[in-house]
N, C-alpha and C. Protein backbone atom coordinates (compact mmCIF):
# COMPACT_ATOMS: atom_id res chain seq x y z
N MET A 1 -1.61 4.92 11.08
CA MET A 1 -0.37 5.28 10.29
C MET A 1 0.36 6.38 10.66
N ARG A 2 1.80 6.14 10.79
CA ARG A 2 2.84 7.15 11.11
C ARG A 2 3.46 7.60 9.86
N LEU A 3 3.63 8.72 9.41
CA LEU A 3 4.15 9.42 8.47
C LEU A 3 5.35 10.23 8.76
N VAL A 4 6.29 10.12 8.05
CA VAL A 4 7.57 10.83 8.29
C VAL A 4 8.15 11.35 6.83
N GLY A 5 8.21 12.62 6.80
CA GLY A 5 8.97 13.16 5.65
C GLY A 5 8.08 13.33 4.22
N HIS A 6 6.96 13.22 4.38
CA HIS A 6 6.14 12.93 3.03
C HIS A 6 5.19 14.14 3.03
N SER A 7 5.11 14.74 1.67
CA SER A 7 4.01 15.61 1.54
C SER A 7 2.86 14.82 1.24
N LEU A 8 1.62 14.98 1.93
CA LEU A 8 0.56 14.01 1.94
C LEU A 8 -0.56 14.31 0.92
N PHE A 9 -1.05 13.49 0.39
CA PHE A 9 -2.38 13.44 -0.32
C PHE A 9 -3.28 12.47 0.23
N ALA A 10 -4.46 12.73 0.76
CA ALA A 10 -5.25 11.60 1.00
C ALA A 10 -6.39 11.51 -0.04
N HIS A 11 -6.76 10.40 -0.18
CA HIS A 11 -7.68 9.93 -1.22
C HIS A 11 -8.66 9.15 -0.60
N ARG A 12 -10.06 9.52 -0.52
CA ARG A 12 -11.02 8.82 -0.13
C ARG A 12 -11.13 7.44 -0.73
N ASP A 13 -10.90 6.49 -0.01
CA ASP A 13 -11.13 5.02 -0.48
C ASP A 13 -12.52 4.28 -0.27
N THR A 14 -13.25 4.65 -1.56
CA THR A 14 -14.74 4.42 -1.36
C THR A 14 -14.99 2.74 -1.22
N THR A 15 -13.89 1.81 -1.34
CA THR A 15 -14.23 0.49 -1.13
C THR A 15 -14.09 0.17 0.32
N ALA A 16 -13.26 0.69 1.09
CA ALA A 16 -13.10 0.56 2.55
C ALA A 16 -13.60 1.45 3.32
N GLY A 17 -13.95 2.64 2.84
CA GLY A 17 -14.86 3.64 3.62
C GLY A 17 -13.75 4.26 4.52
N GLY A 18 -12.49 4.42 4.19
CA GLY A 18 -11.47 5.18 4.93
C GLY A 18 -10.91 6.22 3.91
N LEU A 19 -9.50 6.56 4.40
CA LEU A 19 -8.66 7.21 3.64
C LEU A 19 -7.48 6.50 3.25
N MET A 20 -7.07 6.72 1.99
CA MET A 20 -5.75 6.06 1.60
C MET A 20 -4.86 7.03 1.33
N LEU A 21 -3.60 6.91 1.73
CA LEU A 21 -2.47 7.72 1.56
C LEU A 21 -1.97 7.50 0.19
N VAL A 22 -1.87 8.56 -0.75
CA VAL A 22 -1.27 8.60 -2.00
C VAL A 22 0.12 9.31 -1.97
N LEU A 23 1.09 8.71 -2.54
CA LEU A 23 2.50 9.11 -2.41
C LEU A 23 2.84 9.34 -3.97
N PHE A 24 3.33 10.53 -4.29
CA PHE A 24 3.99 10.69 -5.63
C PHE A 24 5.35 10.38 -5.56
N ARG A 25 5.83 9.30 -6.27
CA ARG A 25 7.20 8.98 -6.44
C ARG A 25 7.75 8.93 -7.92
N LYS A 26 8.99 9.09 -8.08
CA LYS A 26 9.70 9.04 -9.29
C LYS A 26 10.49 7.77 -9.61
N VAL A 27 10.75 7.25 -10.74
CA VAL A 27 11.58 6.13 -11.09
C VAL A 27 12.56 6.00 -10.05
N ARG A 28 12.91 4.98 -9.45
CA ARG A 28 14.12 4.79 -8.53
C ARG A 28 13.95 5.32 -7.31
N GLN A 29 12.80 5.74 -6.83
CA GLN A 29 12.37 6.37 -5.44
C GLN A 29 11.58 5.19 -4.74
N SER A 30 11.81 5.11 -3.43
CA SER A 30 11.13 4.22 -2.61
C SER A 30 10.51 4.68 -1.53
N ILE A 31 9.70 3.96 -1.06
CA ILE A 31 8.93 4.22 0.34
C ILE A 31 9.34 2.95 1.29
N LEU A 32 9.42 3.17 2.56
CA LEU A 32 9.68 2.22 3.53
C LEU A 32 8.26 2.03 4.48
N ILE A 33 7.95 0.73 4.30
CA ILE A 33 6.78 0.58 5.29
C ILE A 33 7.32 -0.38 6.44
N GLY A 34 6.93 0.24 7.68
CA GLY A 34 7.58 -0.43 8.84
C GLY A 34 9.16 -0.43 8.84
N ASP A 35 9.74 -1.58 9.43
CA ASP A 35 11.19 -1.61 9.43
C ASP A 35 11.76 -2.29 8.42
N ASP A 36 10.88 -3.28 7.63
CA ASP A 36 11.47 -4.19 6.70
C ASP A 36 10.80 -4.55 5.25
N ILE A 37 9.95 -3.57 5.00
CA ILE A 37 9.49 -3.58 3.51
C ILE A 37 9.83 -2.29 2.88
N VAL A 38 10.10 -2.51 1.47
CA VAL A 38 10.74 -1.35 0.71
C VAL A 38 9.88 -1.61 -0.52
N VAL A 39 9.07 -0.56 -1.00
CA VAL A 39 8.35 -0.56 -2.25
C VAL A 39 9.25 0.46 -3.16
N GLU A 40 9.75 0.13 -4.33
CA GLU A 40 10.34 1.15 -5.23
C GLU A 40 9.78 1.07 -6.67
N VAL A 41 9.76 2.32 -7.06
CA VAL A 41 9.05 2.40 -8.49
C VAL A 41 10.39 2.05 -9.35
N VAL A 42 10.13 1.13 -10.18
CA VAL A 42 11.09 0.38 -10.85
C VAL A 42 11.29 1.13 -12.39
N SER A 43 9.80 1.05 -12.81
CA SER A 43 9.71 1.89 -14.26
C SER A 43 8.40 2.19 -14.32
N LEU A 44 8.05 3.16 -15.45
CA LEU A 44 6.63 3.46 -15.90
C LEU A 44 6.55 3.35 -17.40
N PRO A 45 6.48 2.06 -17.70
CA PRO A 45 6.15 2.06 -19.04
C PRO A 45 4.86 1.93 -19.52
N GLY A 46 4.64 2.66 -20.74
CA GLY A 46 3.26 2.88 -21.17
C GLY A 46 2.02 2.67 -20.41
N GLY A 47 1.89 3.65 -19.50
CA GLY A 47 0.43 3.71 -18.92
C GLY A 47 0.43 2.96 -17.60
N GLY A 48 1.43 2.11 -17.29
CA GLY A 48 1.61 1.27 -16.15
C GLY A 48 2.52 1.61 -15.16
N VAL A 49 2.67 1.08 -14.01
CA VAL A 49 3.80 1.35 -13.12
C VAL A 49 4.34 -0.01 -12.70
N ARG A 50 5.61 -0.18 -12.79
CA ARG A 50 6.38 -1.21 -12.31
C ARG A 50 6.98 -0.99 -11.02
N LEU A 51 6.37 -1.67 -10.07
CA LEU A 51 6.98 -1.68 -8.51
C LEU A 51 7.76 -2.82 -8.31
N GLY A 52 8.74 -2.53 -7.42
CA GLY A 52 9.67 -3.38 -6.67
C GLY A 52 9.53 -3.58 -5.27
N ILE A 53 9.13 -4.64 -4.83
CA ILE A 53 8.94 -4.83 -3.37
C ILE A 53 9.82 -5.71 -2.68
N THR A 54 10.48 -5.17 -1.60
CA THR A 54 11.48 -6.00 -0.79
C THR A 54 10.83 -6.24 0.43
N ALA A 55 10.51 -7.62 0.95
CA ALA A 55 9.96 -7.73 2.05
C ALA A 55 10.47 -8.95 2.77
N PRO A 56 10.40 -9.34 4.04
CA PRO A 56 10.94 -10.59 4.72
C PRO A 56 10.09 -11.73 3.98
N SER A 57 10.67 -12.94 4.07
CA SER A 57 9.84 -14.16 3.43
C SER A 57 8.55 -14.35 4.11
N TYR A 58 8.39 -13.87 5.29
CA TYR A 58 7.11 -14.17 6.06
C TYR A 58 5.99 -13.18 5.60
N VAL A 59 6.21 -12.33 4.80
CA VAL A 59 5.19 -11.46 4.30
C VAL A 59 4.77 -11.97 2.99
N THR A 60 3.35 -11.99 3.07
CA THR A 60 2.85 -12.35 1.78
C THR A 60 2.51 -11.26 0.87
N VAL A 61 3.07 -11.23 -0.50
CA VAL A 61 2.78 -10.14 -1.30
C VAL A 61 1.84 -10.71 -2.51
N LEU A 62 0.76 -10.24 -2.53
CA LEU A 62 -0.21 -10.70 -3.74
C LEU A 62 -0.70 -9.61 -4.50
N ARG A 63 -0.87 -9.64 -5.78
CA ARG A 63 -1.66 -8.58 -6.54
C ARG A 63 -3.24 -8.97 -6.29
N ASP A 64 -4.07 -7.99 -6.33
CA ASP A 64 -5.35 -8.13 -5.81
C ASP A 64 -6.16 -9.30 -6.52
N GLU A 65 -5.95 -9.23 -7.87
CA GLU A 65 -6.59 -10.26 -8.59
C GLU A 65 -6.22 -11.69 -8.44
N LEU A 66 -5.14 -12.03 -8.09
CA LEU A 66 -4.47 -13.20 -7.25
C LEU A 66 -5.02 -13.69 -6.02
N ALA A 67 -5.13 -12.48 -5.23
CA ALA A 67 -5.51 -12.57 -3.79
C ALA A 67 -7.04 -13.14 -3.77
N GLU A 68 -7.76 -12.40 -4.86
CA GLU A 68 -9.19 -12.87 -5.05
C GLU A 68 -9.30 -14.50 -5.35
N LYS A 69 -8.57 -14.87 -6.17
CA LYS A 69 -8.21 -16.45 -6.84
C LYS A 69 -8.20 -17.27 -5.65
N VAL A 70 -7.43 -16.90 -4.50
CA VAL A 70 -6.95 -17.77 -3.44
C VAL A 70 -7.94 -17.55 -2.14
N GLY A 71 -8.95 -16.83 -2.31
CA GLY A 71 -10.14 -16.67 -1.33
C GLY A 71 -9.79 -15.44 -0.55
N VAL A 72 -8.94 -14.47 -0.83
CA VAL A 72 -8.64 -13.29 0.02
C VAL A 72 -9.43 -12.14 -0.51
N SER A 73 -10.23 -11.46 0.29
CA SER A 73 -10.94 -10.37 -0.21
C SER A 73 -10.25 -9.14 0.04
N VAL A 74 -9.69 -8.54 -0.91
CA VAL A 74 -8.84 -7.22 -0.89
C VAL A 74 -9.70 -6.18 -0.19
N THR A 75 -11.00 -5.95 -0.79
CA THR A 75 -11.96 -4.99 -0.25
C THR A 75 -12.09 -5.33 1.31
N SER A 76 -12.29 -6.62 1.83
CA SER A 76 -12.44 -6.68 3.13
C SER A 76 -11.25 -6.32 3.96
N LYS A 77 -10.14 -6.77 3.43
CA LYS A 77 -8.65 -6.41 4.12
C LYS A 77 -8.57 -4.88 4.17
N LYS A 78 -8.82 -4.17 3.15
CA LYS A 78 -8.82 -2.58 3.41
C LYS A 78 -9.83 -2.18 4.22
N ARG A 79 -10.98 -2.84 4.39
CA ARG A 79 -11.76 -2.29 5.58
C ARG A 79 -11.12 -2.60 7.08
N GLU A 80 -10.63 -3.76 7.27
CA GLU A 80 -10.19 -4.09 8.40
C GLU A 80 -8.80 -3.11 8.70
N ILE A 81 -8.18 -2.70 7.74
CA ILE A 81 -6.90 -1.88 8.21
C ILE A 81 -7.47 -0.51 8.20
N SER A 82 -8.45 -0.24 7.70
CA SER A 82 -9.03 1.25 7.54
C SER A 82 -9.77 1.27 9.18
N LYS A 83 -10.42 0.06 9.64
CA LYS A 83 -11.05 0.16 10.98
C LYS A 83 -10.02 0.26 11.90
N LYS A 84 -9.02 -0.47 11.89
CA LYS A 84 -7.83 -0.49 12.99
C LYS A 84 -7.02 0.65 13.02
N SER A 85 -6.95 1.45 11.81
CA SER A 85 -6.16 2.72 11.85
C SER A 85 -7.03 3.80 12.56
N ARG A 86 -8.34 3.66 12.29
CA ARG A 86 -9.00 4.74 13.17
C ARG A 86 -9.19 4.49 14.39
N ASN A 87 -9.17 3.15 14.96
CA ASN A 87 -9.25 2.98 16.47
C ASN A 87 -7.79 3.03 17.09
N ALA A 88 -6.71 3.18 16.33
CA ALA A 88 -5.44 3.22 16.85
C ALA A 88 -5.05 4.38 17.68
N PRO A 89 -4.39 4.29 18.82
CA PRO A 89 -3.84 5.47 19.47
C PRO A 89 -3.10 6.34 18.51
N LEU A 90 -2.90 7.36 18.83
CA LEU A 90 -1.77 8.39 18.04
C LEU A 90 -0.62 8.20 18.94
């Protein structure tokens, strides 16, 4: 994972056995993932976070509980990503 212009907070992800990047954003602030995915904080209503995600049509975006229903293990995916990032050259 290559990060530009962020103050970082690493959080131990116990389900994947790796580190998770945690970013602090305010309403209407965004993060860019790669060249074509934007995640924006839309609102913070009563204890929740409302996110807006802009991505190309070929990118599947699922909430974890829906991913589990269609047979995708979010925990397994997180482990795969964690393993790939540990083995990736800098």
